C-alpha atoms as a PDB file:
ATOM      1  CA  MET A   1      86.465 109.455-156.569  1.00  0.00           C
ATOM      2  CA  THR A   2      82.713 110.727-156.157  1.00  0.00           C
ATOM      3  CA  SER A   3      83.310 111.582-152.603  1.00  0.00           C
ATOM      4  CA  PHE A   4      86.657 113.440-153.364  1.00  0.00           C
ATOM      5  CA  LEU A   5      85.194 115.572-156.226  1.00  0.00           C
ATOM      6  CA  VAL A   6      82.206 116.268-153.958  1.00  0.00           C
ATOM      7  CA  ARG A   7      84.780 117.497-151.267  1.00  0.00           C
ATOM      8  CA  ARG A   8      86.975 119.579-153.583  1.00  0.00           C
ATOM      9  CA  THR A   9      84.347 121.070-155.406  1.00  0.00           C
ATOM     10  CA  GLY A  10      82.772 122.205-151.894  1.00  0.00           C
ATOM     11  CA  GLN A  11      86.429 123.445-150.909  1.00  0.00           C
ATOM     12  CA  ALA A  12      87.249 125.192-154.846  1.00  0.00           C
ATOM     13  CA  ALA A  13      83.230 126.882-153.852  1.00  0.00           C
ATOM     14  CA  LEU A  14      83.931 128.545-150.622  1.00  0.00           C
ATOM     15  CA  ALA A  15      87.680 129.787-152.185  1.00  0.00           C
ATOM     16  CA  LEU A  16      86.552 131.416-154.793  1.00  0.00           C
ATOM     17  CA  PHE A  17      83.658 132.963-152.785  1.00  0.00           C
ATOM     18  CA  GLY A  18      86.253 134.146-150.667  1.00  0.00           C
ATOM     19  CA  VAL A  19      88.287 135.476-153.416  1.00  0.00           C
ATOM     20  CA  CYS A  20      85.023 137.113-154.991  1.00  0.00           C
ATOM     21  CA  THR A  21      84.535 139.152-151.443  1.00  0.00           C
ATOM     22  CA  LEU A  22      88.519 139.996-150.956  1.00  0.00           C
ATOM     23  CA  ILE A  23      88.707 141.240-154.495  1.00  0.00           C
ATOM     24  CA  PHE A  24      85.432 143.471-154.520  1.00  0.00           C
ATOM     25  CA  PHE A  25      86.327 145.546-151.145  1.00  0.00           C
ATOM     26  CA  LEU A  26      90.094 145.832-152.090  1.00  0.00           C
ATOM     27  CA  THR A  27      89.189 147.458-155.442  1.00  0.00           C
ATOM     28  CA  ARG A  28      87.063 149.835-153.673  1.00  0.00           C
ATOM     29  CA  LEU A  29      89.696 151.165-151.363  1.00  0.00           C
ATOM     30  CA  THR A  30      92.225 152.311-154.422  1.00  0.00           C
ATOM     31  CA  GLY A  31      90.058 155.267-154.639  1.00  0.00           C
ATOM     32  CA  ASP A  32      87.201 156.791-156.556  1.00  0.00           C
ATOM     33  CA  PRO A  33      87.075 155.993-160.269  1.00  0.00           C
ATOM     34  CA  VAL A  34      84.464 159.054-160.826  1.00  0.00           C
ATOM     35  CA  LEU A  35      86.785 161.272-159.792  1.00  0.00           C
ATOM     36  CA  LEU A  36      89.568 159.715-162.765  1.00  0.00           C
ATOM     37  CA  MET A  37      86.314 159.924-165.205  1.00  0.00           C
ATOM     38  CA  ALA A  38      84.909 163.393-165.061  1.00  0.00           C
ATOM     39  CA  PRO A  39      86.112 165.549-167.190  1.00  0.00           C
ATOM     40  CA  GLU A  40      88.580 168.224-166.374  1.00  0.00           C
ATOM     41  CA  GLY A  41      86.304 171.433-164.740  1.00  0.00           C
ATOM     42  CA  ALA A  42      83.580 169.268-163.977  1.00  0.00           C
ATOM     43  CA  THR A  43      81.705 170.897-161.123  1.00  0.00           C
ATOM     44  CA  ARG A  44      80.553 168.921-158.169  1.00  0.00           C
ATOM     45  CA  ALA A  45      76.715 168.530-159.381  1.00  0.00           C
ATOM     46  CA  ASP A  46      78.294 166.967-162.198  1.00  0.00           C
ATOM     47  CA  ILE A  47      80.571 164.449-160.147  1.00  0.00           C
ATOM     48  CA  GLU A  48      77.699 163.220-158.444  1.00  0.00           C
ATOM     49  CA  ALA A  49      75.437 162.528-161.629  1.00  0.00           C
ATOM     50  CA  LEU A  50      78.167 160.296-162.802  1.00  0.00           C
ATOM     51  CA  ARG A  51      78.653 158.571-159.688  1.00  0.00           C
ATOM     52  CA  THR A  52      74.422 158.109-159.579  1.00  0.00           C
ATOM     53  CA  ALA A  53      75.145 156.972-163.266  1.00  0.00           C
ATOM     54  CA  LEU A  54      77.318 154.361-162.441  1.00  0.00           C
ATOM     55  CA  GLY A  55      75.635 153.004-159.500  1.00  0.00           C
ATOM     56  CA  PHE A  56      78.245 154.167-156.823  1.00  0.00           C
ATOM     57  CA  ASP A  57      76.157 156.301-155.029  1.00  0.00           C
ATOM     58  CA  ARG A  58      74.080 153.118-153.729  1.00  0.00           C
ATOM     59  CA  PRO A  59      75.759 151.423-150.104  1.00  0.00           C
ATOM     60  CA  LEU A  60      78.535 149.343-150.464  1.00  0.00           C
ATOM     61  CA  ILE A  61      76.830 145.990-149.098  1.00  0.00           C
ATOM     62  CA  VAL A  62      74.209 146.907-151.921  1.00  0.00           C
ATOM     63  CA  GLN A  63      76.831 147.290-154.437  1.00  0.00           C
ATOM     64  CA  TYR A  64      78.398 143.981-153.248  1.00  0.00           C
ATOM     65  CA  TRP A  65      74.926 142.258-153.519  1.00  0.00           C
ATOM     66  CA  GLU A  66      74.697 143.042-156.998  1.00  0.00           C
ATOM     67  CA  TYR A  67      78.110 142.183-158.008  1.00  0.00           C
ATOM     68  CA  LEU A  68      77.488 138.093-156.282  1.00  0.00           C
ATOM     69  CA  ASN A  69      73.860 138.203-158.302  1.00  0.00           C
ATOM     70  CA  GLY A  70      75.446 138.922-161.088  1.00  0.00           C
ATOM     71  CA  LEU A  71      78.295 136.698-160.922  1.00  0.00           C
ATOM     72  CA  MET A  72      75.462 133.892-160.504  1.00  0.00           C
ATOM     73  CA  ARG A  73      74.395 134.657-164.030  1.00  0.00           C
ATOM     74  CA  PHE A  74      77.884 134.495-165.223  1.00  0.00           C
ATOM     75  CA  ASP A  75      77.298 138.459-165.548  1.00  0.00           C
ATOM     76  CA  PHE A  76      80.683 140.460-164.412  1.00  0.00           C
ATOM     77  CA  GLY A  77      78.886 143.861-165.508  1.00  0.00           C
ATOM     78  CA  GLN A  78      79.959 146.539-167.504  1.00  0.00           C
ATOM     79  CA  SER A  79      83.423 148.086-168.163  1.00  0.00           C
ATOM     80  CA  ILE A  80      83.200 151.549-166.370  1.00  0.00           C
ATOM     81  CA  VAL A  81      85.930 153.177-168.972  1.00  0.00           C
ATOM     82  CA  GLN A  82      84.395 151.410-172.166  1.00  0.00           C
ATOM     83  CA  ARG A  83      81.181 151.059-171.715  1.00  0.00           C
ATOM     84  CA  VAL A  84      81.087 147.573-172.951  1.00  0.00           C
ATOM     85  CA  PRO A  85      80.357 143.991-171.088  1.00  0.00           C
ATOM     86  CA  VAL A  86      83.529 142.706-169.408  1.00  0.00           C
ATOM     87  CA  MET A  87      82.804 139.393-170.861  1.00  0.00           C
ATOM     88  CA  ASP A  88      83.349 140.595-174.333  1.00  0.00           C
ATOM     89  CA  ILE A  89      86.769 142.162-173.697  1.00  0.00           C
ATOM     90  CA  ILE A  90      87.848 139.132-171.640  1.00  0.00           C
ATOM     91  CA  VAL A  91      87.063 137.066-174.751  1.00  0.00           C
ATOM     92  CA  SER A  92      88.488 138.895-177.273  1.00  0.00           C
ATOM     93  CA  ARG A  93      91.695 139.280-174.991  1.00  0.00           C
ATOM     94  CA  LEU A  94      92.037 136.202-173.474  1.00  0.00           C
ATOM     95  CA  PRO A  95      93.233 133.862-176.708  1.00  0.00           C
ATOM     96  CA  TYR A  96      96.402 136.002-176.393  1.00  0.00           C
ATOM     97  CA  THR A  97      97.389 135.261-173.102  1.00  0.00           C
ATOM     98  CA  LEU A  98      96.719 131.273-173.314  1.00  0.00           C
ATOM     99  CA  GLY A  99      98.559 131.446-176.298  1.00  0.00           C
ATOM    100  CA  LEU A 100     101.795 133.461-174.392  1.00  0.00           C
ATOM    101  CA  ALA A 101     101.260 130.665-171.585  1.00  0.00           C
ATOM    102  CA  ALA A 102     101.117 127.788-173.447  1.00  0.00           C
ATOM    103  CA  ALA A 103     104.306 129.024-175.200  1.00  0.00           C
ATOM    104  CA  ALA A 104     105.899 129.785-172.431  1.00  0.00           C
ATOM    105  CA  LEU A 105     105.171 126.302-170.602  1.00  0.00           C
ATOM    106  CA  VAL A 106     106.812 124.582-173.993  1.00  0.00           C
ATOM    107  CA  VAL A 107     109.847 126.528-173.247  1.00  0.00           C
ATOM    108  CA  ALA A 108     109.622 125.875-169.653  1.00  0.00           C
ATOM    109  CA  LEU A 109     109.409 121.642-169.567  1.00  0.00           C
ATOM    110  CA  GLY A 110     110.838 121.783-173.190  1.00  0.00           C
ATOM    111  CA  LEU A 111     114.152 122.938-171.450  1.00  0.00           C
ATOM    112  CA  GLY A 112     113.481 122.656-167.892  1.00  0.00           C
ATOM    113  CA  VAL A 113     112.671 118.960-167.397  1.00  0.00           C
ATOM    114  CA  PRO A 114     115.719 117.568-170.050  1.00  0.00           C
ATOM    115  CA  MET A 115     118.450 119.744-168.435  1.00  0.00           C
ATOM    116  CA  GLY A 116     117.427 118.519-164.530  1.00  0.00           C
ATOM    117  CA  VAL A 117     117.144 115.161-165.778  1.00  0.00           C
ATOM    118  CA  TYR A 118     120.759 115.286-167.233  1.00  0.00           C
ATOM    119  CA  MET A 119     122.175 117.297-164.350  1.00  0.00           C
ATOM    120  CA  ALA A 120     121.129 114.171-162.251  1.00  0.00           C
ATOM    121  CA  VAL A 121     122.112 111.639-164.122  1.00  0.00           C
ATOM    122  CA  HIS A 122     125.408 113.071-165.227  1.00  0.00           C
ATOM    123  CA  ARG A 123     125.786 115.063-162.590  1.00  0.00           C
ATOM    124  CA  ALA A 124     129.724 115.037-162.494  1.00  0.00           C
ATOM    125  CA  ARG A 125     130.038 116.120-165.997  1.00  0.00           C
ATOM    126  CA  PRO A 126     131.418 119.499-166.943  1.00  0.00           C
ATOM    127  CA  LEU A 127     128.427 120.305-168.933  1.00  0.00           C
ATOM    128  CA  ALA A 128     126.047 119.311-165.651  1.00  0.00           C
ATOM    129  CA  ARG A 129     127.797 122.418-163.817  1.00  0.00           C
ATOM    130  CA  VAL A 130     127.160 124.678-166.641  1.00  0.00           C
ATOM    131  CA  LEU A 131     123.559 123.957-167.060  1.00  0.00           C
ATOM    132  CA  MET A 132     123.278 124.187-163.211  1.00  0.00           C
ATOM    133  CA  GLY A 133     124.639 127.815-163.877  1.00  0.00           C
ATOM    134  CA  VAL A 134     122.064 128.460-166.485  1.00  0.00           C
ATOM    135  CA  VAL A 135     119.296 127.202-164.141  1.00  0.00           C
ATOM    136  CA  LEU A 136     120.213 129.521-161.312  1.00  0.00           C
ATOM    137  CA  ALA A 137     120.478 132.869-163.662  1.00  0.00           C
ATOM    138  CA  GLY A 138     117.030 131.745-164.827  1.00  0.00           C
ATOM    139  CA  GLN A 139     115.895 131.591-161.193  1.00  0.00           C
ATOM    140  CA  SER A 140     117.622 135.286-160.509  1.00  0.00           C
ATOM    141  CA  LEU A 141     117.270 137.342-163.275  1.00  0.00           C
ATOM    142  CA  PRO A 142     113.612 139.133-162.992  1.00  0.00           C
ATOM    143  CA  THR A 143     111.165 138.721-165.539  1.00  0.00           C
ATOM    144  CA  PHE A 144     110.697 142.328-166.949  1.00  0.00           C
ATOM    145  CA  TRP A 145     114.792 142.432-166.814  1.00  0.00           C
ATOM    146  CA  SER A 146     114.860 139.181-169.376  1.00  0.00           C
ATOM    147  CA  GLY A 147     111.845 140.941-171.206  1.00  0.00           C
ATOM    148  CA  ILE A 148     114.227 143.813-171.519  1.00  0.00           C
ATOM    149  CA  LEU A 149     117.508 142.386-172.228  1.00  0.00           C
ATOM    150  CA  LEU A 150     116.089 140.127-175.293  1.00  0.00           C
ATOM    151  CA  ILE A 151     114.355 143.213-176.750  1.00  0.00           C
ATOM    152  CA  SER A 152     117.902 145.090-176.807  1.00  0.00           C
ATOM    153  CA  LEU A 153     119.393 142.444-178.088  1.00  0.00           C
ATOM    154  CA  PHE A 154     116.929 140.068-180.729  1.00  0.00           C
ATOM    155  CA  ALA A 155     114.861 143.252-181.834  1.00  0.00           C
ATOM    156  CA  VAL A 156     117.103 146.479-181.600  1.00  0.00           C
ATOM    157  CA  THR A 157     120.714 144.865-181.923  1.00  0.00           C
ATOM    158  CA  LEU A 158     120.035 142.031-184.386  1.00  0.00           C
ATOM    159  CA  GLY A 159     116.697 143.270-185.499  1.00  0.00           C
ATOM    160  CA  TRP A 160     115.704 139.499-185.924  1.00  0.00           C
ATOM    161  CA  LEU A 161     112.260 139.887-184.021  1.00  0.00           C
ATOM    162  CA  PRO A 162     109.453 142.422-183.500  1.00  0.00           C
ATOM    163  CA  SER A 163     109.860 144.359-179.895  1.00  0.00           C
ATOM    164  CA  SER A 164     106.433 144.175-179.444  1.00  0.00           C
ATOM    165  CA  GLY A 165     102.490 143.710-180.411  1.00  0.00           C
ATOM    166  CA  ALA A 166     101.394 140.577-181.898  1.00  0.00           C
ATOM    167  CA  ARG A 167     101.145 141.100-185.225  1.00  0.00           C
ATOM    168  CA  GLU A 168     103.396 138.731-186.740  1.00  0.00           C
ATOM    169  CA  VAL A 169     103.360 134.783-185.538  1.00  0.00           C
ATOM    170  CA  THR A 170     107.169 135.207-184.417  1.00  0.00           C
ATOM    171  CA  SER A 171     106.049 137.943-181.587  1.00  0.00           C
ATOM    172  CA  VAL A 172     105.449 135.657-179.276  1.00  0.00           C
ATOM    173  CA  ILE A 173     109.255 134.011-179.099  1.00  0.00           C
ATOM    174  CA  MET A 174     110.576 136.958-176.688  1.00  0.00           C
ATOM    175  CA  PRO A 175     107.473 137.300-174.703  1.00  0.00           C
ATOM    176  CA  ALA A 176     107.234 133.361-174.220  1.00  0.00           C
ATOM    177  CA  ILE A 177     111.047 133.010-173.362  1.00  0.00           C
ATOM    178  CA  ALA A 178     110.781 135.777-170.730  1.00  0.00           C
ATOM    179  CA  LEU A 179     108.303 134.123-169.283  1.00  0.00           C
ATOM    180  CA  GLY A 180     108.756 130.857-169.219  1.00  0.00           C
ATOM    181  CA  LEU A 181     112.778 131.021-167.944  1.00  0.00           C
ATOM    182  CA  LEU A 182     111.975 131.641-164.253  1.00  0.00           C
ATOM    183  CA  SER A 183     109.126 128.294-164.339  1.00  0.00           C
ATOM    184  CA  MET A 184     112.159 126.727-166.398  1.00  0.00           C
ATOM    185  CA  ALA A 185     114.769 126.957-163.358  1.00  0.00           C
ATOM    186  CA  THR A 186     111.872 125.254-161.048  1.00  0.00           C
ATOM    187  CA  PHE A 187     111.545 122.488-163.542  1.00  0.00           C
ATOM    188  CA  ALA A 188     114.861 121.412-163.884  1.00  0.00           C
ATOM    189  CA  ARG A 189     115.455 121.862-159.982  1.00  0.00           C
ATOM    190  CA  VAL A 190     112.551 119.933-159.368  1.00  0.00           C
ATOM    191  CA  ALA A 191     113.271 117.441-162.000  1.00  0.00           C
ATOM    192  CA  ARG A 192     116.957 116.951-160.773  1.00  0.00           C
ATOM    193  CA  SER A 193     115.932 116.198-157.029  1.00  0.00           C
ATOM    194  CA  ALA A 194     113.378 113.783-158.065  1.00  0.00           C
ATOM    195  CA  VAL A 195     115.782 111.713-160.201  1.00  0.00           C
ATOM    196  CA  LEU A 196     118.341 112.332-157.931  1.00  0.00           C
ATOM    197  CA  ASP A 197     116.167 110.778-155.475  1.00  0.00           C
ATOM    198  CA  GLU A 198     114.960 107.567-157.589  1.00  0.00           C
ATOM    199  CA  LEU A 199     118.337 106.909-158.208  1.00  0.00           C
ATOM    200  CA  SER A 200     119.234 106.171-154.807  1.00  0.00           C
ATOM    201  CA  LYS A 201     116.420 103.766-154.260  1.00  0.00           C
ATOM    202  CA  PRO A 202     117.105 100.174-153.745  1.00  0.00           C
ATOM    203  CA  TYR A 203     115.359  99.095-157.121  1.00  0.00           C
ATOM    204  CA  VAL A 204     117.525 101.141-159.389  1.00  0.00           C
ATOM    205  CA  ARG A 205     120.665  99.503-157.527  1.00  0.00           C
ATOM    206  CA  ALA A 206     118.996  95.977-158.481  1.00  0.00           C
ATOM    207  CA  ALA A 207     118.422  96.756-162.179  1.00  0.00           C
ATOM    208  CA  ARG A 208     121.753  97.942-162.481  1.00  0.00           C
ATOM    209  CA  ALA A 209     123.057  94.477-160.714  1.00  0.00           C
ATOM    210  CA  LYS A 210     120.783  92.422-163.303  1.00  0.00           C
ATOM    211  CA  GLY A 211     122.945  94.299-166.103  1.00  0.00           C
ATOM    212  CA  LEU A 212     120.456  97.116-167.088  1.00  0.00           C
ATOM    213  CA  SER A 213     122.217 100.475-168.436  1.00  0.00           C
ATOM    214  CA  THR A 214     121.760 103.748-166.569  1.00  0.00           C
ATOM    215  CA  GLY A 215     119.465 104.945-169.779  1.00  0.00           C
ATOM    216  CA  ARG A 216     117.036 102.247-169.623  1.00  0.00           C
ATOM    217  CA  VAL A 217     116.676 101.782-166.243  1.00  0.00           C
ATOM    218  CA  VAL A 218     116.184 105.998-166.353  1.00  0.00           C
ATOM    219  CA  ARG A 219     114.010 105.889-169.238  1.00  0.00           C
ATOM    220  CA  ARG A 220     111.440 102.994-167.980  1.00  0.00           C
ATOM    221  CA  HIS A 221     111.187 103.274-164.585  1.00  0.00           C
ATOM    222  CA  VAL A 222     113.237 106.521-162.777  1.00  0.00           C
ATOM    223  CA  LEU A 223     111.307 109.231-165.171  1.00  0.00           C
ATOM    224  CA  ARG A 224     107.859 107.930-164.498  1.00  0.00           C
ATOM    225  CA  ASN A 225     108.136 107.437-160.543  1.00  0.00           C
ATOM    226  CA  GLY A 226     109.938 110.747-160.503  1.00  0.00           C
ATOM    227  CA  SER A 227     107.082 112.633-162.319  1.00  0.00           C
ATOM    228  CA  ILE A 228     104.936 113.346-159.632  1.00  0.00           C
ATOM    229  CA  PRO A 229     106.706 116.199-157.945  1.00  0.00           C
ATOM    230  CA  VAL A 230     106.899 117.676-161.702  1.00  0.00           C
ATOM    231  CA  ILE A 231     103.521 117.135-162.025  1.00  0.00           C
ATOM    232  CA  SER A 232     102.637 118.657-158.688  1.00  0.00           C
ATOM    233  CA  VAL A 233     104.917 121.500-159.611  1.00  0.00           C
ATOM    234  CA  SER A 234     103.118 122.310-162.976  1.00  0.00           C
ATOM    235  CA  ALA A 235      99.797 123.168-161.227  1.00  0.00           C
ATOM    236  CA  LEU A 236     101.236 126.052-159.684  1.00  0.00           C
ATOM    237  CA  GLU A 237     103.643 127.318-162.460  1.00  0.00           C
ATOM    238  CA  ILE A 238     100.884 127.175-164.946  1.00  0.00           C
ATOM    239  CA  ALA A 239      99.022 129.802-162.511  1.00  0.00           C
ATOM    240  CA  ASN A 240     102.404 131.542-161.984  1.00  0.00           C
ATOM    241  CA  LEU A 241     102.777 131.648-165.793  1.00  0.00           C
ATOM    242  CA  LEU A 242      99.170 133.534-165.998  1.00  0.00           C
ATOM    243  CA  ALA A 243     100.278 135.749-163.229  1.00  0.00           C
ATOM    244  CA  GLY A 244     103.854 136.523-164.716  1.00  0.00           C
ATOM    245  CA  ALA A 245     101.919 137.390-168.303  1.00  0.00           C
ATOM    246  CA  VAL A 246     101.174 140.870-166.291  1.00  0.00           C
ATOM    247  CA  ILE A 247     104.622 141.971-166.225  1.00  0.00           C
ATOM    248  CA  VAL A 248     105.761 140.435-169.815  1.00  0.00           C
ATOM    249  CA  GLU A 249     102.636 141.462-171.322  1.00  0.00           C
ATOM    250  CA  THR A 250     103.287 144.961-170.220  1.00  0.00           C
ATOM    251  CA  VAL A 251     106.849 145.313-171.364  1.00  0.00           C
ATOM    252  CA  PHE A 252     106.264 143.639-174.921  1.00  0.00           C
ATOM    253  CA  ALA A 253     102.834 145.159-175.098  1.00  0.00           C
ATOM    254  CA  TRP A 254     101.190 141.872-175.785  1.00  0.00           C
ATOM    255  CA  PRO A 255      97.349 142.323-176.210  1.00  0.00           C
ATOM    256  CA  GLY A 256      96.142 139.950-173.502  1.00  0.00           C
ATOM    257  CA  LEU A 257      94.556 139.821-170.123  1.00  0.00           C
ATOM    258  CA  GLY A 258      97.842 141.058-168.207  1.00  0.00           C
ATOM    259  CA  LEU A 259      98.519 144.123-170.148  1.00  0.00           C
ATOM    260  CA  LEU A 260      94.665 144.558-169.666  1.00  0.00           C
ATOM    261  CA  THR A 261      94.759 144.267-165.925  1.00  0.00           C
ATOM    262  CA  VAL A 262      97.390 146.603-165.962  1.00  0.00           C
ATOM    263  CA  GLN A 263      95.407 149.758-167.652  1.00  0.00           C
ATOM    264  CA  ALA A 264      91.925 148.649-165.634  1.00  0.00           C
ATOM    265  CA  ILE A 265      94.235 149.375-162.136  1.00  0.00           C
ATOM    266  CA  GLN A 266      95.224 152.666-163.299  1.00  0.00           C
ATOM    267  CA  ALA A 267      92.065 153.456-164.441  1.00  0.00           C
ATOM    268  CA  ARG A 268      90.160 151.775-161.633  1.00  0.00           C
ATOM    269  CA  ASP A 269      87.772 150.126-164.107  1.00  0.00           C
ATOM    270  CA  PHE A 270      87.126 147.603-160.597  1.00  0.00           C
ATOM    271  CA  PRO A 271      84.533 145.056-163.254  1.00  0.00           C
ATOM    272  CA  ILE A 272      87.640 144.163-165.180  1.00  0.00           C
ATOM    273  CA  VAL A 273      89.973 143.703-162.352  1.00  0.00           C
ATOM    274  CA  GLU A 274      87.397 141.377-160.462  1.00  0.00           C
ATOM    275  CA  ALA A 275      86.927 139.457-163.339  1.00  0.00           C
ATOM    276  CA  VAL A 276      90.855 138.886-164.183  1.00  0.00           C
ATOM    277  CA  VAL A 277      90.985 137.808-160.864  1.00  0.00           C
ATOM    278  CA  LEU A 278      88.110 135.520-160.407  1.00  0.00           C
ATOM    279  CA  LEU A 279      89.355 133.888-163.666  1.00  0.00           C
ATOM    280  CA  SER A 280      93.026 133.299-162.510  1.00  0.00           C
ATOM    281  CA  ALA A 281      91.152 132.148-159.136  1.00  0.00           C
ATOM    282  CA  VAL A 282      89.259 129.415-161.250  1.00  0.00           C
ATOM    283  CA  VAL A 283      92.146 128.224-163.375  1.00  0.00           C
ATOM    284  CA  SER A 284      94.359 128.012-160.354  1.00  0.00           C
ATOM    285  CA  ILE A 285      92.082 126.200-158.277  1.00  0.00           C
ATOM    286  CA  GLY A 286      91.082 123.830-161.402  1.00  0.00           C
ATOM    287  CA  LEU A 287      94.905 123.166-162.163  1.00  0.00           C
ATOM    288  CA  ASN A 288      95.495 121.659-159.093  1.00  0.00           C
ATOM    289  CA  LEU A 289      92.271 119.744-158.914  1.00  0.00           C
ATOM    290  CA  ILE A 290      93.780 118.024-162.232  1.00  0.00           C
ATOM    291  CA  ALA A 291      96.851 117.811-160.560  1.00  0.00           C
ATOM    292  CA  ASP A 292      95.813 115.906-157.970  1.00  0.00           C
ATOM    293  CA  ILE A 293      93.806 113.398-159.957  1.00  0.00           C
ATOM    294  CA  LEU A 294      96.847 112.815-162.267  1.00  0.00           C
ATOM    295  CA  TYR A 295      98.642 111.931-159.370  1.00  0.00           C
ATOM    296  CA  SER A 296      96.513 108.547-159.030  1.00  0.00           C
ATOM    297  CA  VAL A 297      96.994 107.597-163.017  1.00  0.00           C
ATOM    298  CA  VAL A 298     100.931 108.258-162.971  1.00  0.00           C
ATOM    299  CA  ASP A 299     101.417 105.806-159.500  1.00  0.00           C
ATOM    300  CA  PRO A 300      98.191 103.606-158.886  1.00  0.00           C
ATOM    301  CA  ARG A 301      99.960 103.648-155.253  1.00  0.00           C
ATOM    302  CA  ILE A 302      98.334 106.727-154.526  1.00  0.00           C
ATOM    303  CA  THR A 303      94.481 107.027-153.941  1.00  0.00           C
ATOM    304  CA  LEU A 304      92.531 110.458-154.421  1.00  0.00           C
ATOM    305  CA  ASP A 305      92.311 110.807-150.809  1.00  0.00           C
ATOM    306  CA  GLY A 306      96.356 111.149-150.231  1.00  0.00           C
ATOM    307  CA  ALA A 307      96.490 107.674-148.565  1.00  0.00           C
ATOM    308  CA  ALA A 308      98.851 104.842-149.939  1.00  0.00           C
ATOM    309  CA  ARG A 309      97.332 101.404-151.339  1.00  0.00           C
END
């Protein structure tokens, strides 16, 4: 256990270093933020003075070194546009994104896994075919289009839900559904495949031969043994939900990190973009580590080094 955590921590550190380096230099390739911030009619001297004040007059390698030093102190610098610490901005926006991602995960798991199990156990029934059509639709429909359709129906036509913002509790319903549909389809497909695979194994036939009902076999054995692929996909899907929040938050004007990122990219506010990307990388790597640990909890035959006992 200790060696596994040490090894994975080292791998995570290298991955994060690569992400930091890549995002730093990529943001510098998008253009000069000073030209965006300079007022109309500014002289060349004014632009150079602003560049010096923001620190962009120094060599790129010096800026990179100072950026790494700041990260070592958990200091992401100041927003170029808002002129306040980036950490303060992220802390104010993070709860909105986490709340939206949590609600979308409830939608995805709460609908996807039961649908997948039903389609596997009762695959010959008409409802299973209908559910498969729903899964295919959820997988095929772009997230932004789902959001627009939801707004058109529930906000514009029916007037049941607010179309944008986060002023009311009900404001999260449509963004959560739009964000969770794609993950719902993924969970349904994975759960269906996992349950079908388990139902074909000898222990299921032996249990049925002893007189156990299909429902009891599924509840007591199949669901537990078939949960490992779902756990594996969960780590990726949570990361995908956070990434997909960029589109959904823009469509619904949800004041989270996704909308903040879009605004920062448009303004070339490098420190905010770098901080959000780094935070996303930390979450993704951490979730995959948790998923690896959960494998051995769900199935004791699996050790943390990947070998079967």
